[in-house]
């Protein structure tokens, strides 16, 4: 991709307007999640302005800066050195430098390194300035079209295998919120099989390679997803974001086994909602989220 760096920088400076970018500040700069055209003018302006760029992988960020016609000192900060690297960056900020932090793709400190750095900078009484920009989570949510959702929750990556993986997934099902997950290509088939087993009727959006050449967004019942994935070997390649669509509270309550619904209703007559739900969860083995949403629906019905 050929970029006229000088024209881009002129546009970036013009778009920056009168906003101030003070020294001694950490700038959190989102980078494209696939399509380089998604880089913002403000991102370009800040990257051109800072004294150094801290990054998850100097090779990845070096290539991005090269494409943008920028040359900046690169400082490594990743999940294995974040504590020690954060201390060094705080010292540089205290000396009056402007430093940007970028992850390999998307918004820093969201399922990527950066949160430890942000906390260290805040403890030191220094300023953190976040820039809006590309996010796989928000991009997937917008494509899922989950109109019934009462907000969303970001679950990130599930445990890779075993009972812990199954238990964590069960806890996400039946929520009145959209649930957003990340998954690696070598585990996507296993995850779709689990969802088909545990929640076959729940609507699911599988987003693959967002913003890239082979971007795919497929929405349907979880029961249909294993067959859809197996129909084309190419579908198992790339990066995945999944959106578990929300279940309306009424549907959650109606889906409970009758004996569990009666037990929860009886517990709620004697105990606060949270305590009743916890006991019902322990006794029934059903997901806490589902029981909590069902309890809320029962409470509203009783008060109506």
Protein backbone atom coordinates (compact mmCIF):
# COMPACT_ATOMS: atom_id res chain seq x y z
CA UNK A 1 0.00 0.00 0.00
CA UNK A 2 1.47 3.35 -1.00
CA UNK A 3 0.86 6.26 1.33
CA UNK A 4 1.75 9.88 0.64
CA UNK A 5 3.07 10.56 4.14
CA UNK A 6 3.46 14.31 3.66
CA UNK A 7 -0.17 14.78 2.59
CA UNK A 8 -1.38 12.62 5.44
CA UNK A 9 0.60 14.61 7.99
CA UNK A 10 -0.71 17.88 6.62
CA UNK A 11 -4.25 16.59 7.00
CA UNK A 12 -3.48 15.27 10.48
CA UNK A 13 -2.10 18.62 11.65
CA UNK A 14 -5.09 20.46 10.18
CA UNK A 15 -7.53 18.07 11.84
CA UNK A 16 -5.81 18.40 15.23
CA UNK A 17 -7.17 21.92 15.57
CA UNK A 18 -6.45 23.66 18.85
CA UNK A 19 -6.28 20.60 21.09
CA UNK A 20 -3.25 20.53 23.36
CA UNK A 21 -0.95 17.53 23.64
CA UNK A 22 1.07 18.22 26.79
CA UNK A 23 4.51 16.87 27.63
CA UNK A 24 4.84 14.24 30.33
CA UNK A 25 1.77 12.44 29.01
CA UNK A 26 1.15 8.84 28.00
CA UNK A 27 -0.91 8.63 24.79
CA UNK A 28 -2.88 5.42 24.18
CA UNK A 29 -3.05 5.11 20.40
CA UNK A 30 -5.33 2.52 18.74
CA UNK A 31 -3.96 0.99 15.55
CA UNK A 32 -5.77 -0.80 12.69
CA UNK A 33 -7.01 -4.33 13.40
CA UNK A 34 -6.34 -5.32 9.81
CA UNK A 35 -7.04 -2.58 7.29
CA UNK A 36 -4.37 0.11 7.31
CA UNK A 37 -6.88 2.66 5.97
CA UNK A 38 -8.54 2.64 9.40
CA UNK A 39 -5.70 4.64 10.96
CA UNK A 40 -7.09 8.00 12.11
CA UNK A 41 -5.72 11.46 11.41
CA UNK A 42 -5.44 12.06 15.14
CA UNK A 43 -3.44 8.85 15.52
CA UNK A 44 -1.03 10.08 12.85
CA UNK A 45 -0.73 13.49 14.51
CA UNK A 46 0.09 12.02 17.92
CA UNK A 47 2.53 9.43 16.59
CA UNK A 48 4.36 12.21 14.73
CA UNK A 49 4.40 14.36 17.88
CA UNK A 50 5.64 11.94 20.55
CA UNK A 51 9.25 11.42 21.54
CA UNK A 52 9.01 7.62 21.52
CA UNK A 53 6.54 4.81 20.85
CA UNK A 54 6.20 1.98 23.36
CA UNK A 55 4.75 -1.11 21.75
CA UNK A 56 3.80 -4.74 22.23
CA UNK A 57 6.06 -5.92 19.39
CA UNK A 58 8.69 -3.61 17.91
CA UNK A 59 8.65 -5.52 14.63
CA UNK A 60 4.92 -5.10 14.09
CA UNK A 61 4.87 -1.45 15.16
CA UNK A 62 8.02 -0.72 13.18
CA UNK A 63 6.30 -1.89 10.00
CA UNK A 64 3.26 0.29 10.76
CA UNK A 65 5.38 3.39 11.34
CA UNK A 66 7.31 2.68 8.14
CA UNK A 67 4.02 2.55 6.17
CA UNK A 68 3.05 5.87 7.72
CA UNK A 69 6.38 7.49 6.89
CA UNK A 70 7.31 7.93 10.56
CA UNK A 71 10.59 7.21 12.30
CA UNK A 72 10.45 7.03 16.10
CA UNK A 73 12.43 5.25 18.83
CA UNK A 74 10.59 2.03 19.71
CA UNK A 75 10.38 0.79 23.30
CA UNK A 76 9.32 -2.79 24.01
CA UNK A 77 6.48 -3.34 26.50
CA UNK A 78 4.65 -6.68 26.42
CA UNK A 79 2.99 -9.09 28.83
CA UNK A 80 6.31 -10.57 30.02
CA UNK A 81 8.09 -7.29 30.87
CA UNK A 82 5.22 -4.90 31.55
CA UNK A 83 6.10 -4.28 35.22
CA UNK A 84 9.74 -3.37 34.67
CA UNK A 85 9.13 -1.56 31.37
CA UNK A 86 6.34 0.51 32.96
CA UNK A 87 8.71 1.82 35.62
CA UNK A 88 11.19 2.92 32.96
CA UNK A 89 8.46 4.64 30.94
CA UNK A 90 7.15 6.47 34.01
CA UNK A 91 10.66 7.84 34.58
CA UNK A 92 10.79 9.11 31.00
CA UNK A 93 7.38 10.74 31.36
CA UNK A 94 8.50 12.41 34.59
CA UNK A 95 11.42 13.84 32.63
CA UNK A 96 8.91 15.55 30.33
CA UNK A 97 8.72 13.20 27.34
CA UNK A 98 5.58 12.46 25.36
CA UNK A 99 5.22 8.70 24.88
CA UNK A 100 2.65 6.78 22.84
CA UNK A 101 1.71 3.20 23.62
CA UNK A 102 0.35 0.92 20.87
CA UNK A 103 -0.54 -2.76 20.90
CA UNK A 104 -0.13 -4.93 17.80
CA UNK A 105 -3.68 -4.14 16.71
CA UNK A 106 -6.69 -2.33 18.07
CA UNK A 107 -7.07 -0.38 21.30
CA UNK A 108 -4.31 -0.89 23.90
CA UNK A 109 -5.04 -2.37 27.35
CA UNK A 110 -8.17 -4.23 26.16
CA UNK A 111 -7.21 -7.92 26.16
CA UNK A 112 -3.72 -6.68 25.26
CA UNK A 113 -0.86 -5.28 27.37
CA UNK A 114 -1.14 -1.71 28.59
CA UNK A 115 -3.32 -1.83 31.70
CA UNK A 116 -0.32 -2.21 34.04
CA UNK A 117 1.37 0.73 32.33
CA UNK A 118 -1.74 2.92 32.62
CA UNK A 119 -2.07 2.10 36.32
CA UNK A 120 1.61 2.91 36.96
CA UNK A 121 1.33 6.25 35.15
CA UNK A 122 -1.80 7.15 37.12
CA UNK A 123 -0.13 6.25 40.44
CA UNK A 124 2.72 8.58 39.53
CA UNK A 125 0.23 11.42 39.11
CA UNK A 126 0.88 11.73 35.39
CA UNK A 127 -1.66 12.16 32.64
CA UNK A 128 -3.02 9.43 30.36
CA UNK A 129 -4.69 10.61 27.14
CA UNK A 130 -6.69 7.87 25.33
CA UNK A 131 -7.48 8.18 21.63
CA UNK A 132 -10.57 6.50 20.18
CA UNK A 133 -10.08 4.15 17.29
CA UNK A 134 -10.24 0.58 15.95
CA UNK A 135 -11.64 -2.08 18.28
CA UNK A 136 -12.47 -5.67 17.33
CA UNK A 137 -15.02 -5.79 20.16
CA UNK A 138 -17.05 -2.77 19.01
CA UNK A 139 -16.71 -3.72 15.34
CA UNK A 140 -18.14 -7.19 16.00
CA UNK A 141 -20.98 -5.82 18.14
CA UNK A 142 -22.03 -3.41 15.41
CA UNK A 143 -22.17 -6.24 12.87
CA UNK A 144 -24.05 -8.62 15.18
CA UNK A 145 -27.19 -6.47 15.27
CA UNK A 146 -28.26 -7.69 18.72
CA UNK A 147 -31.17 -5.31 19.23
CA UNK A 148 -32.44 -7.06 22.37
CA UNK A 149 -29.22 -6.65 24.34
CA UNK A 150 -29.20 -4.71 27.60
CA UNK A 151 -25.56 -3.67 27.17
CA UNK A 152 -22.65 -6.01 26.57
CA UNK A 153 -19.82 -7.73 28.42
CA UNK A 154 -16.35 -8.51 27.10
CA UNK A 155 -15.23 -12.01 28.06
CA UNK A 156 -12.00 -12.12 26.03
CA UNK A 157 -10.39 -15.54 25.59
CA UNK A 158 -11.86 -18.52 27.43
CA UNK A 159 -9.59 -21.01 29.21
CA UNK A 160 -8.03 -23.17 26.48
CA UNK A 161 -9.41 -26.58 27.48
CA UNK A 162 -11.01 -28.87 30.02
CA UNK A 163 -13.74 -28.34 32.57
CA UNK A 164 -12.60 -24.80 33.28
CA UNK A 165 -13.36 -23.87 29.67
CA UNK A 166 -16.83 -25.46 29.81
CA UNK A 167 -17.67 -23.88 33.18
CA UNK A 168 -16.60 -20.41 32.07
CA UNK A 169 -18.69 -20.69 28.90
CA UNK A 170 -21.74 -21.90 30.83
CA UNK A 171 -21.51 -18.82 33.04
CA UNK A 172 -21.85 -16.56 29.97
CA UNK A 173 -24.95 -18.19 28.52
CA UNK A 174 -28.49 -16.94 28.96
CA UNK A 175 -27.50 -13.35 29.75
CA UNK A 176 -29.58 -10.28 28.90
CA UNK A 177 -26.32 -8.74 27.67
CA UNK A 178 -24.36 -9.51 24.50
CA UNK A 179 -21.22 -11.48 25.38
CA UNK A 180 -18.12 -10.88 23.24
CA UNK A 181 -15.38 -13.52 23.05
CA UNK A 182 -12.08 -13.88 21.23
CA UNK A 183 -10.88 -17.26 19.98
CA UNK A 184 -7.79 -18.63 18.26
CA UNK A 185 -8.20 -20.47 14.92
CA UNK A 186 -6.98 -23.82 16.28
CA UNK A 187 -9.70 -23.75 18.98
CA UNK A 188 -12.63 -22.27 17.07
CA UNK A 189 -14.11 -25.67 16.08
CA UNK A 190 -14.05 -26.81 19.71
CA UNK A 191 -15.76 -23.62 20.88
CA UNK A 192 -18.53 -23.88 18.30
CA UNK A 193 -19.07 -27.54 19.22
CA UNK A 194 -19.41 -26.57 22.88
CA UNK A 195 -21.88 -23.80 22.10
CA UNK A 196 -23.95 -26.14 19.92
CA UNK A 197 -24.08 -28.60 22.82
CA UNK A 198 -24.75 -26.15 25.67
CA UNK A 199 -26.99 -23.56 23.99
CA UNK A 200 -28.18 -24.84 20.60
CA UNK A 201 -30.97 -22.25 20.24
CA UNK A 202 -28.93 -19.22 21.26
CA UNK A 203 -28.15 -16.80 18.44
CA UNK A 204 -24.46 -16.43 17.69
CA UNK A 205 -22.46 -14.13 15.40
CA UNK A 206 -19.11 -15.47 14.23
CA UNK A 207 -16.88 -12.65 12.97
CA UNK A 208 -13.71 -13.67 11.17
CA UNK A 209 -10.85 -11.52 9.86
CA UNK A 210 -12.66 -8.25 10.58
CA UNK A 211 -11.64 -5.37 8.24
CA UNK A 212 -9.41 -7.70 6.20
CA UNK A 213 -9.74 -9.09 2.69
CA UNK A 214 -11.58 -12.26 3.73
CA UNK A 215 -13.81 -10.70 6.36
CA UNK A 216 -16.80 -12.88 7.25
CA UNK A 217 -19.74 -12.24 9.57
CA UNK A 218 -22.14 -15.17 9.97
CA UNK A 219 -25.13 -15.08 12.33
CA UNK A 220 -27.45 -17.94 13.24
CA UNK A 221 -28.37 -20.52 15.90
CA UNK A 222 -25.39 -22.02 17.72
CA UNK A 223 -26.60 -25.48 16.68
CA UNK A 224 -25.88 -24.68 13.02
CA UNK A 225 -22.39 -23.26 13.49
CA UNK A 226 -20.25 -26.46 13.52
CA UNK A 227 -21.65 -27.50 10.12
CA UNK A 228 -21.17 -23.99 8.75
CA UNK A 229 -17.52 -23.99 9.85
CA UNK A 230 -16.86 -27.48 8.45
CA UNK A 231 -18.36 -26.60 5.05
CA UNK A 232 -15.24 -24.63 4.05
CA UNK A 233 -11.73 -25.32 5.35
CA UNK A 234 -10.83 -21.64 4.88
CA UNK A 235 -13.33 -20.66 7.55
CA UNK A 236 -11.07 -22.00 10.32
CA UNK A 237 -8.29 -19.57 9.39
CA UNK A 238 -7.75 -16.10 10.77
CA UNK A 239 -8.75 -14.21 13.89
CA UNK A 240 -12.18 -14.70 15.45
CA UNK A 241 -14.54 -12.55 17.48
CA UNK A 242 -17.79 -14.17 18.62
CA UNK A 243 -20.90 -12.41 19.88
CA UNK A 244 -23.33 -14.46 21.97
CA UNK A 245 -26.63 -12.66 21.49
CA UNK A 246 -28.66 -11.65 24.52
CA UNK A 247 -31.58 -13.66 25.78
CA UNK A 248 -34.62 -11.60 26.88
CA UNK A 249 -35.23 -11.93 30.65
CA UNK A 250 -38.65 -13.48 30.06
CA UNK A 251 -37.15 -16.13 27.80
CA UNK A 252 -34.50 -16.87 30.43
CA UNK A 253 -37.12 -17.38 33.14
CA UNK A 254 -39.32 -19.57 30.93
CA UNK A 255 -36.35 -21.73 29.95
CA UNK A 256 -35.66 -22.81 33.54
CA UNK A 257 -36.63 -26.37 34.47
CA UNK A 258 -39.90 -26.15 36.47
CA UNK A 259 -38.33 -27.58 39.63
CA UNK A 260 -35.49 -25.03 39.49
CA UNK A 261 -37.92 -22.16 38.93
CA UNK A 262 -39.95 -23.26 41.96
CA UNK A 263 -36.83 -23.57 44.08
CA UNK A 264 -35.60 -20.11 43.09
CA UNK A 265 -39.01 -18.55 43.71
CA UNK A 266 -39.16 -20.12 47.20
CA UNK A 267 -35.63 -18.98 48.06
CA UNK A 268 -36.44 -15.43 46.97
CA UNK A 269 -39.35 -15.35 49.42
CA UNK A 270 -36.90 -15.75 52.29
CA UNK A 271 -33.60 -14.29 51.05
CA UNK A 272 -32.20 -11.32 49.10
CA UNK A 273 -31.99 -11.93 45.35
CA UNK A 274 -28.21 -12.37 45.14
CA UNK A 275 -28.13 -14.87 48.00
CA UNK A 276 -31.09 -16.81 46.62
CA UNK A 277 -29.46 -16.98 43.19
CA UNK A 278 -26.15 -18.19 44.64
CA UNK A 279 -27.85 -21.03 46.52
CA UNK A 280 -29.91 -21.98 43.46
CA UNK A 281 -26.73 -21.97 41.36
CA UNK A 282 -24.94 -24.26 43.82
CA UNK A 283 -27.86 -26.68 44.01
CA UNK A 284 -28.86 -26.78 40.34
CA UNK A 285 -25.50 -26.39 38.58
CA UNK A 286 -27.11 -23.96 36.12
CA UNK A 287 -25.30 -20.76 35.01
CA UNK A 288 -25.53 -17.99 37.61
CA UNK A 289 -26.25 -15.37 34.93
CA UNK A 290 -29.33 -17.26 33.77
CA UNK A 291 -30.66 -17.71 37.29
CA UNK A 292 -30.02 -14.06 38.15
CA UNK A 293 -31.88 -12.84 35.06
CA UNK A 294 -34.73 -15.25 35.82
CA UNK A 295 -34.83 -13.99 39.41
CA UNK A 296 -35.05 -10.41 38.23
CA UNK A 297 -37.94 -11.31 35.94
CA UNK A 298 -39.74 -13.11 38.78
CA UNK A 299 -39.23 -10.13 41.06
CA UNK A 300 -40.61 -7.70 38.49
CA UNK A 301 -43.63 -9.95 37.88
CA UNK A 302 -44.32 -10.15 41.63
CA UNK A 303 -44.13 -6.38 42.01
CA UNK A 304 -46.36 -5.64 39.00
